[in-house]
Amino acid sequence: RALPSARKAASRLELLQSPARLEHAVRQLTSDHFELIDEPQPSSESGGCGFVPEGLLAELLGGGRAAQRATAVQVRLFAPALGVFKGILAARRGISRIQLPP
């Protein structure tokens, strides 16, 4: 899928320089964990973000009390088969894969 603008492509390349604290920030998932979705229109439900299954969100955040209460997470995703993504993933019931907008 092509990026919609050169500006968006440049901003995604900047992510390669973004710092992350490894002790809690880096997780390895397979492409089976993800699916691409159409760009959601900003609404009270999405605000234009992607979605993550509730249980997977808690698991990715370590499973503790704070992880169980989390409703969203800010991410930087680098996936050779899918591309580079950044933004917010909001918890959502009834899905089984992380849903990524373009």
N, C-alpha and C. Protein backbone atom coordinates (compact mmCIF):
# COMPACT_ATOMS: atom_id res chain seq x y z
N ARG A 1 0.83 -1.17 0.00
CA ARG A 1 0.00 0.00 0.00
C ARG A 1 0.88 1.24 0.00
N ALA A 2 0.65 2.14 -0.91
CA ALA A 2 1.45 3.35 -1.00
C ALA A 2 1.03 4.36 0.06
N LEU A 3 2.00 5.12 0.55
CA LEU A 3 1.68 6.19 1.49
C LEU A 3 1.01 7.33 0.73
N PRO A 4 0.05 8.01 1.35
CA PRO A 4 -0.70 9.03 0.65
C PRO A 4 0.08 10.31 0.31
N SER A 5 1.19 10.56 0.97
CA SER A 5 1.93 11.78 0.66
C SER A 5 3.40 11.63 1.03
N ALA A 6 4.21 12.47 0.38
CA ALA A 6 5.64 12.47 0.68
C ALA A 6 5.88 12.90 2.13
N ARG A 7 5.06 13.82 2.63
CA ARG A 7 5.20 14.28 4.01
C ARG A 7 4.99 13.13 5.00
N LYS A 8 3.97 12.30 4.74
CA LYS A 8 3.72 11.16 5.64
C LYS A 8 4.88 10.17 5.56
N ALA A 9 5.44 9.96 4.37
CA ALA A 9 6.58 9.06 4.21
C ALA A 9 7.77 9.57 5.01
N ALA A 10 8.03 10.87 4.94
CA ALA A 10 9.15 11.46 5.69
C ALA A 10 8.94 11.32 7.19
N SER A 11 7.72 11.54 7.66
CA SER A 11 7.47 11.43 9.10
C SER A 11 7.63 10.00 9.57
N ARG A 12 7.29 9.03 8.74
CA ARG A 12 7.48 7.63 9.12
C ARG A 12 8.96 7.28 9.17
N LEU A 13 9.75 7.83 8.28
CA LEU A 13 11.19 7.58 8.31
C LEU A 13 11.82 8.14 9.59
N GLU A 14 11.27 9.24 10.10
CA GLU A 14 11.76 9.81 11.36
C GLU A 14 11.63 8.82 12.51
N LEU A 15 10.66 7.94 12.43
CA LEU A 15 10.44 6.98 13.51
C LEU A 15 11.63 6.06 13.71
N LEU A 16 12.43 5.87 12.68
CA LEU A 16 13.61 5.03 12.82
C LEU A 16 14.61 5.63 13.80
N GLN A 17 14.47 6.91 14.09
CA GLN A 17 15.35 7.61 15.02
C GLN A 17 14.71 7.82 16.40
N SER A 18 13.43 7.44 16.57
CA SER A 18 12.74 7.65 17.83
C SER A 18 13.32 6.75 18.91
N PRO A 19 13.62 7.31 20.08
CA PRO A 19 14.15 6.47 21.16
C PRO A 19 13.05 5.63 21.81
N ALA A 20 13.43 4.50 22.33
CA ALA A 20 12.52 3.64 23.10
C ALA A 20 13.31 3.02 24.24
N ARG A 21 12.66 2.86 25.38
CA ARG A 21 13.31 2.18 26.50
C ARG A 21 13.01 0.70 26.37
N LEU A 22 14.04 -0.08 26.14
CA LEU A 22 13.88 -1.49 25.81
C LEU A 22 13.24 -2.34 26.90
N GLU A 23 13.39 -1.95 28.15
CA GLU A 23 12.88 -2.81 29.22
C GLU A 23 11.37 -2.99 29.18
N HIS A 24 10.64 -2.08 28.55
CA HIS A 24 9.19 -2.27 28.50
C HIS A 24 8.58 -1.88 27.16
N ALA A 25 9.39 -1.59 26.17
CA ALA A 25 8.83 -1.03 24.95
C ALA A 25 8.89 -1.94 23.73
N VAL A 26 9.76 -2.90 23.70
CA VAL A 26 9.95 -3.67 22.48
C VAL A 26 9.30 -5.05 22.61
N ARG A 27 8.43 -5.35 21.67
CA ARG A 27 7.77 -6.66 21.63
C ARG A 27 7.88 -7.18 20.21
N GLN A 28 8.03 -8.47 20.05
CA GLN A 28 8.07 -9.06 18.72
C GLN A 28 6.80 -9.86 18.50
N LEU A 29 6.08 -9.49 17.45
CA LEU A 29 4.86 -10.19 17.05
C LEU A 29 5.02 -10.62 15.60
N THR A 30 4.20 -11.54 15.15
CA THR A 30 4.25 -11.96 13.75
C THR A 30 3.16 -11.24 12.96
N SER A 31 3.24 -11.34 11.65
CA SER A 31 2.23 -10.69 10.81
C SER A 31 0.84 -11.28 11.05
N ASP A 32 0.77 -12.47 11.62
CA ASP A 32 -0.53 -13.07 11.95
C ASP A 32 -1.28 -12.29 13.03
N HIS A 33 -0.60 -11.46 13.79
CA HIS A 33 -1.23 -10.65 14.83
C HIS A 33 -1.93 -9.42 14.27
N PHE A 34 -1.73 -9.11 13.00
CA PHE A 34 -2.19 -7.83 12.44
C PHE A 34 -3.11 -8.01 11.25
N GLU A 35 -3.95 -7.00 11.02
CA GLU A 35 -4.71 -6.88 9.78
C GLU A 35 -4.83 -5.39 9.45
N LEU A 36 -4.83 -5.09 8.17
CA LEU A 36 -4.99 -3.71 7.72
C LEU A 36 -6.48 -3.41 7.58
N ILE A 37 -6.87 -2.21 8.00
CA ILE A 37 -8.26 -1.78 7.90
C ILE A 37 -8.29 -0.45 7.16
N ASP A 38 -9.47 -0.09 6.68
CA ASP A 38 -9.63 1.24 6.08
C ASP A 38 -9.45 2.29 7.17
N GLU A 39 -9.05 3.48 6.76
CA GLU A 39 -8.87 4.59 7.71
C GLU A 39 -10.20 4.87 8.40
N PRO A 40 -10.26 4.68 9.72
CA PRO A 40 -11.52 4.99 10.41
C PRO A 40 -11.73 6.50 10.45
N GLN A 41 -12.96 6.90 10.31
CA GLN A 41 -13.28 8.32 10.43
C GLN A 41 -13.25 8.68 11.91
N PRO A 42 -12.71 9.84 12.25
CA PRO A 42 -12.72 10.23 13.66
C PRO A 42 -14.14 10.19 14.22
N SER A 43 -14.27 9.53 15.35
CA SER A 43 -15.57 9.40 16.00
C SER A 43 -15.33 9.25 17.49
N SER A 44 -16.40 9.16 18.24
CA SER A 44 -16.24 8.95 19.68
C SER A 44 -15.60 7.59 19.95
N GLU A 45 -15.67 6.66 18.98
CA GLU A 45 -15.10 5.32 19.17
C GLU A 45 -13.63 5.26 18.80
N SER A 46 -13.20 5.96 17.75
CA SER A 46 -11.84 5.74 17.29
C SER A 46 -10.94 6.96 17.28
N GLY A 47 -11.43 8.10 16.85
CA GLY A 47 -10.56 9.27 16.72
C GLY A 47 -9.50 9.07 15.65
N GLY A 48 -9.69 8.09 14.76
CA GLY A 48 -8.73 7.83 13.69
C GLY A 48 -7.62 6.87 14.06
N CYS A 49 -7.73 6.18 15.19
CA CYS A 49 -6.67 5.28 15.62
C CYS A 49 -6.92 3.86 15.14
N GLY A 50 -5.99 2.96 15.46
CA GLY A 50 -6.17 1.54 15.22
C GLY A 50 -6.72 0.88 16.47
N PHE A 51 -6.86 -0.44 16.41
CA PHE A 51 -7.46 -1.16 17.53
C PHE A 51 -6.65 -2.39 17.89
N VAL A 52 -6.74 -2.79 19.15
CA VAL A 52 -6.05 -3.96 19.66
C VAL A 52 -7.04 -4.75 20.52
N PRO A 53 -7.06 -6.09 20.41
CA PRO A 53 -7.95 -6.87 21.28
C PRO A 53 -7.64 -6.58 22.76
N GLU A 54 -8.68 -6.45 23.56
CA GLU A 54 -8.50 -6.10 24.98
C GLU A 54 -7.50 -7.01 25.69
N GLY A 55 -7.65 -8.31 25.52
CA GLY A 55 -6.77 -9.25 26.20
C GLY A 55 -5.33 -9.13 25.75
N LEU A 56 -5.11 -8.89 24.48
CA LEU A 56 -3.75 -8.74 23.95
C LEU A 56 -3.12 -7.46 24.47
N LEU A 57 -3.90 -6.39 24.59
CA LEU A 57 -3.35 -5.15 25.14
C LEU A 57 -2.82 -5.38 26.55
N ALA A 58 -3.61 -6.02 27.39
CA ALA A 58 -3.17 -6.30 28.76
C ALA A 58 -1.92 -7.17 28.77
N GLU A 59 -1.89 -8.17 27.90
CA GLU A 59 -0.73 -9.06 27.82
C GLU A 59 0.53 -8.31 27.38
N LEU A 60 0.40 -7.46 26.36
CA LEU A 60 1.55 -6.70 25.87
C LEU A 60 2.08 -5.72 26.90
N LEU A 61 1.20 -5.25 27.79
CA LEU A 61 1.61 -4.30 28.83
C LEU A 61 2.05 -4.98 30.11
N GLY A 62 2.19 -6.29 30.09
CA GLY A 62 2.74 -6.99 31.24
C GLY A 62 1.73 -7.69 32.13
N GLY A 63 0.43 -7.49 31.90
CA GLY A 63 -0.59 -8.23 32.62
C GLY A 63 -0.90 -7.78 34.04
N GLY A 64 -0.19 -6.79 34.55
CA GLY A 64 -0.44 -6.31 35.91
C GLY A 64 -1.72 -5.52 36.05
N ARG A 65 -1.92 -4.96 37.22
CA ARG A 65 -3.14 -4.20 37.51
C ARG A 65 -3.31 -3.01 36.56
N ALA A 66 -2.24 -2.25 36.33
CA ALA A 66 -2.32 -1.12 35.41
C ALA A 66 -2.61 -1.59 33.99
N ALA A 67 -2.01 -2.72 33.59
CA ALA A 67 -2.24 -3.27 32.25
C ALA A 67 -3.70 -3.68 32.08
N GLN A 68 -4.31 -4.20 33.12
CA GLN A 68 -5.71 -4.61 33.05
C GLN A 68 -6.65 -3.42 32.91
N ARG A 69 -6.23 -2.25 33.39
CA ARG A 69 -7.07 -1.04 33.31
C ARG A 69 -6.82 -0.23 32.06
N ALA A 70 -5.76 -0.53 31.32
CA ALA A 70 -5.38 0.26 30.14
C ALA A 70 -6.47 0.19 29.07
N THR A 71 -6.71 1.32 28.42
CA THR A 71 -7.69 1.37 27.34
C THR A 71 -7.04 1.67 26.00
N ALA A 72 -5.76 2.07 26.00
CA ALA A 72 -5.07 2.39 24.75
C ALA A 72 -3.57 2.39 25.00
N VAL A 73 -2.81 2.34 23.91
CA VAL A 73 -1.35 2.38 24.00
C VAL A 73 -0.82 3.12 22.77
N GLN A 74 0.21 3.92 22.98
CA GLN A 74 0.88 4.58 21.86
C GLN A 74 1.94 3.64 21.32
N VAL A 75 1.98 3.46 19.99
CA VAL A 75 2.89 2.48 19.41
C VAL A 75 3.70 3.04 18.25
N ARG A 76 4.81 2.37 18.00
CA ARG A 76 5.62 2.51 16.80
C ARG A 76 5.83 1.08 16.31
N LEU A 77 5.32 0.76 15.13
CA LEU A 77 5.40 -0.60 14.61
C LEU A 77 6.24 -0.64 13.35
N PHE A 78 7.17 -1.57 13.31
CA PHE A 78 8.02 -1.78 12.15
C PHE A 78 7.81 -3.22 11.71
N ALA A 79 7.10 -3.39 10.61
CA ALA A 79 6.75 -4.73 10.15
C ALA A 79 7.14 -4.88 8.69
N PRO A 80 8.14 -5.71 8.40
CA PRO A 80 8.59 -5.85 7.01
C PRO A 80 7.47 -6.20 6.02
N ALA A 81 6.51 -7.01 6.44
CA ALA A 81 5.44 -7.41 5.53
C ALA A 81 4.32 -6.37 5.43
N LEU A 82 4.26 -5.42 6.39
CA LEU A 82 3.14 -4.47 6.43
C LEU A 82 3.55 -3.02 6.28
N GLY A 83 4.71 -2.65 6.79
CA GLY A 83 5.16 -1.26 6.72
C GLY A 83 5.46 -0.70 8.09
N VAL A 84 5.52 0.61 8.17
CA VAL A 84 5.82 1.33 9.41
C VAL A 84 4.55 2.07 9.83
N PHE A 85 4.19 1.91 11.09
CA PHE A 85 2.97 2.54 11.61
C PHE A 85 3.29 3.24 12.92
N LYS A 86 2.57 4.33 13.19
CA LYS A 86 2.69 5.00 14.49
C LYS A 86 1.31 5.48 14.88
N GLY A 87 1.10 5.62 16.15
CA GLY A 87 -0.17 6.16 16.62
C GLY A 87 -0.68 5.44 17.84
N ILE A 88 -1.98 5.52 18.01
CA ILE A 88 -2.65 4.96 19.17
C ILE A 88 -3.43 3.72 18.76
N LEU A 89 -3.32 2.67 19.57
CA LEU A 89 -4.17 1.50 19.42
C LEU A 89 -5.12 1.49 20.62
N ALA A 90 -6.40 1.56 20.35
CA ALA A 90 -7.41 1.54 21.40
C ALA A 90 -7.92 0.12 21.60
N ALA A 91 -8.16 -0.25 22.85
CA ALA A 91 -8.70 -1.58 23.15
C ALA A 91 -10.09 -1.72 22.54
N ARG A 92 -10.36 -2.91 22.01
CA ARG A 92 -11.66 -3.15 21.39
C ARG A 92 -12.06 -4.60 21.64
N ARG A 93 -13.32 -4.78 22.05
CA ARG A 93 -13.87 -6.13 22.23
C ARG A 93 -14.27 -6.69 20.88
N GLY A 94 -14.25 -8.02 20.80
CA GLY A 94 -14.80 -8.69 19.62
C GLY A 94 -13.88 -8.78 18.42
N ILE A 95 -12.60 -8.44 18.59
CA ILE A 95 -11.65 -8.62 17.49
C ILE A 95 -10.56 -9.58 17.96
N SER A 96 -9.88 -10.21 17.00
CA SER A 96 -8.85 -11.17 17.38
C SER A 96 -7.45 -10.75 16.92
N ARG A 97 -7.37 -9.68 16.10
CA ARG A 97 -6.07 -9.23 15.60
C ARG A 97 -5.95 -7.71 15.78
N ILE A 98 -4.74 -7.24 15.83
CA ILE A 98 -4.49 -5.80 15.87
C ILE A 98 -4.89 -5.23 14.52
N GLN A 99 -5.72 -4.19 14.54
CA GLN A 99 -6.22 -3.58 13.32
C GLN A 99 -5.50 -2.27 13.08
N LEU A 100 -4.82 -2.17 11.93
CA LEU A 100 -4.01 -1.01 11.61
C LEU A 100 -4.58 -0.23 10.44
N PRO A 101 -4.82 1.09 10.60
CA PRO A 101 -5.23 1.91 9.47
C PRO A 101 -3.99 2.30 8.66
N PRO A 102 -4.17 2.78 7.43
CA PRO A 102 -3.00 3.16 6.61
C PRO A 102 -2.22 4.32 7.21
